[in-house]
Amino acid sequence: MALVLGAGSVACGSDEEEHAQFVGADEVCGGLFAGPTAAMLEKVTGDKVFSWANENGMEKVVAALKDGYASGRSWAGGASLCEPDPKGGGLGDEARISFSMYAPQDVEDEGLQAGSELYTMGTQSSVGRGGASLYFECVSPQLKGSDKTPLRIHGGFGRGKSDAPDTREYRNMNMTILHTMALKLVKELDCQNNGGLPKTPVLTPK
């Protein structure tokens, strides 16, 4: 029995060591970026290797949004979906995708950062050199009363410290990354009509 327990302890240690290693963009955060989005993440961040991370980001985002909606407040802080941390990076170098519940006036009052521009997708969307922002609404059987008062969701993507160029191609990749993650979220929430989001991103400046 002692030998079995010892072997189990070694196995757990091995798992922890494996998880402490670095992985490619297609594996970070439990494989959220697997597919074409992984290459986009590499391009906009300028990094190809990231710290292994899988902290159940999607579950945390869904729980935070549901709790915020159930509270009856006009807004709620939400949670981070994923923070790809580049190998060798310092504090603030990591990219970040997060979702929160926004108040109705936030869309009207959102001040665009210098150099950012509005896009036409969702309730409101904008993109800039450093990332993208997307507002949309969700009506779901998981959210009691949302047929009358939809859950208002704001998604944000920041690419972190990066020397990637500020071109239309890269701005569109910022928005595409955020749109891809938003579609994953609306699937988890069972939002009707994908929360009003198209299946492929609309990358049109307003």
C-alpha atoms as a PDB file:
ATOM      1  CA  MET A   1       0.000   0.000   0.000  1.00  0.00           C
ATOM      2  CA  ALA A   2       2.850   2.333   0.862  1.00  0.00           C
ATOM      3  CA  LEU A   3       4.382   1.715  -2.536  1.00  0.00           C
ATOM      4  CA  VAL A   4       1.108   2.543  -4.257  1.00  0.00           C
ATOM      5  CA  LEU A   5       0.731   5.776  -2.323  1.00  0.00           C
ATOM      6  CA  GLY A   6       4.306   6.674  -3.130  1.00  0.00           C
ATOM      7  CA  ALA A   7       3.714   6.113  -6.816  1.00  0.00           C
ATOM      8  CA  GLY A   8       0.606   8.272  -6.662  1.00  0.00           C
ATOM      9  CA  SER A   9       2.538  11.059  -5.028  1.00  0.00           C
ATOM     10  CA  VAL A  10       5.146  10.943  -7.744  1.00  0.00           C
ATOM     11  CA  ALA A  11       2.443  11.037 -10.412  1.00  0.00           C
ATOM     12  CA  CYS A  12       0.872  14.137  -8.880  1.00  0.00           C
ATOM     13  CA  GLY A  13       4.253  15.789  -8.698  1.00  0.00           C
ATOM     14  CA  SER A  14       4.885  14.961 -12.344  1.00  0.00           C
ATOM     15  CA  ASP A  15       1.563  16.515 -13.339  1.00  0.00           C
ATOM     16  CA  GLU A  16       2.406  19.707 -11.491  1.00  0.00           C
ATOM     17  CA  GLU A  17       5.806  19.863 -13.145  1.00  0.00           C
ATOM     18  CA  GLU A  18       4.237  19.270 -16.559  1.00  0.00           C
ATOM     19  CA  HIS A  19       1.711  22.050 -15.969  1.00  0.00           C
ATOM     20  CA  ALA A  20       4.478  24.433 -14.961  1.00  0.00           C
ATOM     21  CA  GLN A  21       6.028  24.142 -18.404  1.00  0.00           C
ATOM     22  CA  PHE A  22       5.480  26.428 -21.371  1.00  0.00           C
ATOM     23  CA  VAL A  23       3.156  25.654 -24.258  1.00  0.00           C
ATOM     24  CA  GLY A  24       2.181  26.964 -27.670  1.00  0.00           C
ATOM     25  CA  ALA A  25      -0.746  29.269 -28.318  1.00  0.00           C
ATOM     26  CA  ASP A  26      -2.966  26.327 -29.256  1.00  0.00           C
ATOM     27  CA  GLU A  27      -2.628  24.814 -25.754  1.00  0.00           C
ATOM     28  CA  VAL A  28      -2.706  27.808 -23.439  1.00  0.00           C
ATOM     29  CA  CYS A  29      -5.825  28.245 -21.279  1.00  0.00           C
ATOM     30  CA  GLY A  30      -7.035  24.730 -21.927  1.00  0.00           C
ATOM     31  CA  GLY A  31      -6.863  25.035 -25.704  1.00  0.00           C
ATOM     32  CA  LEU A  32      -9.198  28.046 -26.043  1.00  0.00           C
ATOM     33  CA  PHE A  33      -7.192  29.295 -29.021  1.00  0.00           C
ATOM     34  CA  ALA A  34      -6.836  25.948 -30.803  1.00  0.00           C
ATOM     35  CA  GLY A  35      -7.185  26.397 -34.559  1.00  0.00           C
ATOM     36  CA  PRO A  36      -6.622  29.520 -36.690  1.00  0.00           C
ATOM     37  CA  THR A  37      -6.962  31.784 -33.631  1.00  0.00           C
ATOM     38  CA  ALA A  38      -3.717  30.402 -32.204  1.00  0.00           C
ATOM     39  CA  ALA A  39      -1.713  31.809 -35.119  1.00  0.00           C
ATOM     40  CA  MET A  40      -3.457  35.161 -34.688  1.00  0.00           C
ATOM     41  CA  LEU A  41      -2.568  35.241 -30.994  1.00  0.00           C
ATOM     42  CA  GLU A  42       1.074  34.605 -31.887  1.00  0.00           C
ATOM     43  CA  LYS A  43       1.065  37.413 -34.434  1.00  0.00           C
ATOM     44  CA  VAL A  44      -0.615  40.124 -32.358  1.00  0.00           C
ATOM     45  CA  THR A  45       1.382  39.351 -29.207  1.00  0.00           C
ATOM     46  CA  GLY A  46       4.651  38.656 -30.997  1.00  0.00           C
ATOM     47  CA  ASP A  47       5.083  35.523 -28.859  1.00  0.00           C
ATOM     48  CA  LYS A  48       4.926  31.823 -29.627  1.00  0.00           C
ATOM     49  CA  VAL A  49       5.458  30.274 -26.182  1.00  0.00           C
ATOM     50  CA  PHE A  50       3.276  30.938 -23.141  1.00  0.00           C
ATOM     51  CA  SER A  51       3.012  29.762 -19.555  1.00  0.00           C
ATOM     52  CA  TRP A  52       0.747  26.740 -19.244  1.00  0.00           C
ATOM     53  CA  ALA A  53      -2.533  27.933 -17.756  1.00  0.00           C
ATOM     54  CA  ASN A  54      -5.941  26.369 -17.317  1.00  0.00           C
ATOM     55  CA  GLU A  55      -7.751  28.023 -14.431  1.00  0.00           C
ATOM     56  CA  ASN A  56     -11.276  27.200 -15.620  1.00  0.00           C
ATOM     57  CA  GLY A  57     -11.657  30.664 -17.090  1.00  0.00           C
ATOM     58  CA  MET A  58     -14.858  29.907 -18.969  1.00  0.00           C
ATOM     59  CA  GLU A  59     -16.572  28.507 -15.876  1.00  0.00           C
ATOM     60  CA  LYS A  60     -15.549  31.590 -13.899  1.00  0.00           C
ATOM     61  CA  VAL A  61     -16.825  33.981 -16.570  1.00  0.00           C
ATOM     62  CA  VAL A  62     -20.173  32.177 -16.878  1.00  0.00           C
ATOM     63  CA  ALA A  63     -20.620  32.082 -13.096  1.00  0.00           C
ATOM     64  CA  ALA A  64     -19.713  35.760 -12.708  1.00  0.00           C
ATOM     65  CA  LEU A  65     -22.123  36.846 -15.436  1.00  0.00           C
ATOM     66  CA  LYS A  66     -24.969  34.747 -14.045  1.00  0.00           C
ATOM     67  CA  ASP A  67     -24.363  36.047 -10.529  1.00  0.00           C
ATOM     68  CA  GLY A  68     -24.194  39.615 -11.792  1.00  0.00           C
ATOM     69  CA  TYR A  69     -27.422  39.245 -13.730  1.00  0.00           C
ATOM     70  CA  ALA A  70     -29.232  37.592 -10.818  1.00  0.00           C
ATOM     71  CA  SER A  71     -28.157  40.429  -8.492  1.00  0.00           C
ATOM     72  CA  GLY A  72     -30.377  42.896 -10.321  1.00  0.00           C
ATOM     73  CA  ARG A  73     -27.576  45.443 -10.533  1.00  0.00           C
ATOM     74  CA  SER A  74     -27.039  47.370 -13.755  1.00  0.00           C
ATOM     75  CA  TRP A  75     -23.445  46.142 -14.080  1.00  0.00           C
ATOM     76  CA  ALA A  76     -21.075  43.517 -12.664  1.00  0.00           C
ATOM     77  CA  GLY A  77     -17.320  43.045 -12.741  1.00  0.00           C
ATOM     78  CA  GLY A  78     -17.232  39.693 -14.524  1.00  0.00           C
ATOM     79  CA  ALA A  79     -14.053  37.639 -14.796  1.00  0.00           C
ATOM     80  CA  SER A  80     -10.986  36.967 -16.891  1.00  0.00           C
ATOM     81  CA  LEU A  81     -11.352  34.226 -19.495  1.00  0.00           C
ATOM     82  CA  CYS A  82      -7.664  33.864 -20.273  1.00  0.00           C
ATOM     83  CA  GLU A  83      -4.381  35.716 -19.722  1.00  0.00           C
ATOM     84  CA  PRO A  84      -1.751  34.268 -22.078  1.00  0.00           C
ATOM     85  CA  ASP A  85       1.534  35.037 -20.315  1.00  0.00           C
ATOM     86  CA  PRO A  86       4.553  34.928 -22.666  1.00  0.00           C
ATOM     87  CA  LYS A  87       7.649  33.002 -21.648  1.00  0.00           C
ATOM     88  CA  GLY A  88      10.130  35.425 -20.147  1.00  0.00           C
ATOM     89  CA  GLY A  89       7.516  38.165 -19.898  1.00  0.00           C
ATOM     90  CA  GLY A  90       7.216  40.568 -17.014  1.00  0.00           C
ATOM     91  CA  LEU A  91       4.278  42.055 -15.161  1.00  0.00           C
ATOM     92  CA  GLY A  92       1.826  43.579 -17.631  1.00  0.00           C
ATOM     93  CA  ASP A  93       3.290  41.788 -20.646  1.00  0.00           C
ATOM     94  CA  GLU A  94       0.481  39.229 -20.796  1.00  0.00           C
ATOM     95  CA  ALA A  95      -2.501  39.421 -23.115  1.00  0.00           C
ATOM     96  CA  ARG A  96      -5.967  39.301 -21.555  1.00  0.00           C
ATOM     97  CA  ILE A  97      -9.521  38.438 -22.527  1.00  0.00           C
ATOM     98  CA  SER A  98     -12.306  39.208 -20.079  1.00  0.00           C
ATOM     99  CA  PHE A  99     -16.076  39.545 -19.997  1.00  0.00           C
ATOM    100  CA  SER A 100     -18.307  41.578 -17.709  1.00  0.00           C
ATOM    101  CA  MET A 101     -21.890  42.861 -17.463  1.00  0.00           C
ATOM    102  CA  TYR A 102     -22.202  46.447 -18.613  1.00  0.00           C
ATOM    103  CA  ALA A 103     -24.693  49.155 -17.700  1.00  0.00           C
ATOM    104  CA  PRO A 104     -26.874  50.562 -20.523  1.00  0.00           C
ATOM    105  CA  GLN A 105     -25.165  53.956 -20.434  1.00  0.00           C
ATOM    106  CA  ASP A 106     -21.720  52.397 -20.875  1.00  0.00           C
ATOM    107  CA  VAL A 107     -22.261  51.993 -24.625  1.00  0.00           C
ATOM    108  CA  GLU A 108     -23.267  55.606 -25.066  1.00  0.00           C
ATOM    109  CA  ASP A 109     -20.573  56.944 -22.787  1.00  0.00           C
ATOM    110  CA  GLU A 110     -17.663  54.745 -23.877  1.00  0.00           C
ATOM    111  CA  GLY A 111     -14.764  57.013 -24.668  1.00  0.00           C
ATOM    112  CA  LEU A 112     -12.549  55.588 -27.372  1.00  0.00           C
ATOM    113  CA  GLN A 113      -8.834  55.616 -26.704  1.00  0.00           C
ATOM    114  CA  ALA A 114      -6.715  57.684 -29.048  1.00  0.00           C
ATOM    115  CA  GLY A 115      -6.305  55.852 -32.334  1.00  0.00           C
ATOM    116  CA  SER A 116      -9.216  53.480 -31.774  1.00  0.00           C
ATOM    117  CA  GLU A 117     -12.181  53.241 -34.137  1.00  0.00           C
ATOM    118  CA  LEU A 118     -15.699  51.889 -34.062  1.00  0.00           C
ATOM    119  CA  TYR A 119     -16.672  48.755 -35.961  1.00  0.00           C
ATOM    120  CA  THR A 120     -20.233  47.755 -36.880  1.00  0.00           C
ATOM    121  CA  MET A 121     -20.502  44.365 -35.146  1.00  0.00           C
ATOM    122  CA  GLY A 122     -22.656  43.753 -32.066  1.00  0.00           C
ATOM    123  CA  THR A 123     -24.390  46.433 -30.035  1.00  0.00           C
ATOM    124  CA  GLN A 124     -21.106  48.317 -30.240  1.00  0.00           C
ATOM    125  CA  SER A 125     -17.572  47.330 -31.089  1.00  0.00           C
ATOM    126  CA  SER A 126     -14.240  49.066 -31.384  1.00  0.00           C
ATOM    127  CA  VAL A 127     -10.689  48.166 -32.206  1.00  0.00           C
ATOM    128  CA  GLY A 128      -7.278  49.717 -31.764  1.00  0.00           C
ATOM    129  CA  ARG A 129      -3.590  48.954 -31.829  1.00  0.00           C
ATOM    130  CA  GLY A 130      -3.646  47.227 -28.458  1.00  0.00           C
ATOM    131  CA  GLY A 131      -6.864  45.250 -28.600  1.00  0.00           C
ATOM    132  CA  ALA A 132     -10.606  45.204 -29.157  1.00  0.00           C
ATOM    133  CA  SER A 133     -13.911  45.782 -27.369  1.00  0.00           C
ATOM    134  CA  LEU A 134     -17.301  44.183 -28.057  1.00  0.00           C
ATOM    135  CA  TYR A 135     -20.737  44.816 -26.542  1.00  0.00           C
ATOM    136  CA  PHE A 136     -23.645  42.435 -27.116  1.00  0.00           C
ATOM    137  CA  GLU A 137     -26.789  41.091 -25.403  1.00  0.00           C
ATOM    138  CA  CYS A 138     -27.857  37.602 -24.400  1.00  0.00           C
ATOM    139  CA  VAL A 139     -31.339  36.119 -24.067  1.00  0.00           C
ATOM    140  CA  SER A 140     -31.102  32.621 -22.626  1.00  0.00           C
ATOM    141  CA  PRO A 141     -33.241  30.000 -20.870  1.00  0.00           C
ATOM    142  CA  GLN A 142     -30.411  29.890 -18.317  1.00  0.00           C
ATOM    143  CA  LEU A 143     -31.181  33.497 -17.354  1.00  0.00           C
ATOM    144  CA  LYS A 144     -34.650  33.967 -15.899  1.00  0.00           C
ATOM    145  CA  GLY A 145     -36.231  37.155 -17.191  1.00  0.00           C
ATOM    146  CA  SER A 146     -33.699  37.701 -19.979  1.00  0.00           C
ATOM    147  CA  ASP A 147     -36.468  37.518 -22.576  1.00  0.00           C
ATOM    148  CA  LYS A 148     -37.586  40.886 -21.221  1.00  0.00           C
ATOM    149  CA  THR A 149     -34.261  42.224 -19.966  1.00  0.00           C
ATOM    150  CA  PRO A 150     -31.295  40.657 -21.792  1.00  0.00           C
ATOM    151  CA  LEU A 151     -27.949  40.120 -20.103  1.00  0.00           C
ATOM    152  CA  ARG A 152     -25.640  42.885 -21.362  1.00  0.00           C
ATOM    153  CA  ILE A 153     -22.144  41.513 -21.990  1.00  0.00           C
ATOM    154  CA  HIS A 154     -18.955  43.452 -22.638  1.00  0.00           C
ATOM    155  CA  GLY A 155     -15.918  41.591 -23.897  1.00  0.00           C
ATOM    156  CA  GLY A 156     -12.440  43.029 -24.031  1.00  0.00           C
ATOM    157  CA  PHE A 157      -9.154  41.797 -25.522  1.00  0.00           C
ATOM    158  CA  GLY A 158      -5.800  43.378 -24.792  1.00  0.00           C
ATOM    159  CA  ARG A 159      -2.762  41.950 -26.540  1.00  0.00           C
ATOM    160  CA  GLY A 160      -0.293  43.053 -23.844  1.00  0.00           C
ATOM    161  CA  LYS A 161       3.217  44.274 -24.561  1.00  0.00           C
ATOM    162  CA  SER A 162       3.856  43.800 -28.265  1.00  0.00           C
ATOM    163  CA  ASP A 163       5.868  45.262 -31.121  1.00  0.00           C
ATOM    164  CA  ALA A 164       3.356  44.054 -33.706  1.00  0.00           C
ATOM    165  CA  PRO A 165       2.457  46.711 -36.305  1.00  0.00           C
ATOM    166  CA  ASP A 166      -0.688  48.813 -36.181  1.00  0.00           C
ATOM    167  CA  THR A 167      -2.270  47.881 -39.506  1.00  0.00           C
ATOM    168  CA  ARG A 168      -5.779  46.963 -40.612  1.00  0.00           C
ATOM    169  CA  GLU A 169      -4.722  43.315 -40.742  1.00  0.00           C
ATOM    170  CA  TYR A 170      -3.617  43.329 -37.113  1.00  0.00           C
ATOM    171  CA  ARG A 171      -6.608  45.328 -35.911  1.00  0.00           C
ATOM    172  CA  ASN A 172      -8.873  42.810 -37.600  1.00  0.00           C
ATOM    173  CA  MET A 173      -7.020  39.978 -35.863  1.00  0.00           C
ATOM    174  CA  ASN A 174      -7.588  41.690 -32.505  1.00  0.00           C
ATOM    175  CA  MET A 175     -11.317  41.753 -33.197  1.00  0.00           C
ATOM    176  CA  THR A 176     -11.391  38.237 -34.627  1.00  0.00           C
ATOM    177  CA  ILE A 177      -9.759  36.823 -31.493  1.00  0.00           C
ATOM    178  CA  LEU A 178     -12.324  38.551 -29.279  1.00  0.00           C
ATOM    179  CA  HIS A 179     -15.233  37.533 -31.537  1.00  0.00           C
ATOM    180  CA  THR A 180     -14.096  33.896 -31.440  1.00  0.00           C
ATOM    181  CA  MET A 181     -14.036  33.895 -27.644  1.00  0.00           C
ATOM    182  CA  ALA A 182     -17.411  35.656 -27.497  1.00  0.00           C
ATOM    183  CA  LEU A 183     -18.949  32.887 -29.622  1.00  0.00           C
ATOM    184  CA  LYS A 184     -17.541  30.294 -27.214  1.00  0.00           C
ATOM    185  CA  LEU A 185     -19.154  32.200 -24.353  1.00  0.00           C
ATOM    186  CA  VAL A 186     -22.609  32.546 -25.961  1.00  0.00           C
ATOM    187  CA  LYS A 187     -22.553  28.809 -26.619  1.00  0.00           C
ATOM    188  CA  GLU A 188     -21.925  28.136 -22.930  1.00  0.00           C
ATOM    189  CA  LEU A 189     -24.690  30.540 -21.942  1.00  0.00           C
ATOM    190  CA  ASP A 190     -27.051  29.174 -24.605  1.00  0.00           C
ATOM    191  CA  CYS A 191     -27.737  32.698 -25.891  1.00  0.00           C
ATOM    192  CA  GLN A 192     -30.412  32.891 -28.564  1.00  0.00           C
ATOM    193  CA  ASN A 193     -29.170  33.830 -32.033  1.00  0.00           C
ATOM    194  CA  ASN A 194     -25.546  33.783 -30.795  1.00  0.00           C
ATOM    195  CA  GLY A 195     -26.223  36.915 -28.775  1.00  0.00           C
ATOM    196  CA  GLY A 196     -26.786  38.790 -32.020  1.00  0.00           C
ATOM    197  CA  LEU A 197     -23.229  38.039 -33.167  1.00  0.00           C
ATOM    198  CA  PRO A 198     -22.506  36.730 -36.673  1.00  0.00           C
ATOM    199  CA  LYS A 199     -20.863  33.323 -37.105  1.00  0.00           C
ATOM    200  CA  THR A 200     -17.968  35.027 -38.856  1.00  0.00           C
ATOM    201  CA  PRO A 201     -16.711  38.403 -37.617  1.00  0.00           C
ATOM    202  CA  VAL A 202     -17.850  41.557 -39.395  1.00  0.00           C
ATOM    203  CA  LEU A 203     -14.669  43.586 -39.711  1.00  0.00           C
ATOM    204  CA  THR A 204     -16.137  46.799 -41.033  1.00  0.00           C
ATOM    205  CA  PRO A 205     -15.153  50.242 -39.686  1.00  0.00           C
ATOM    206  CA  LYS A 206     -18.171  52.377 -38.848  1.00  0.00           C
END
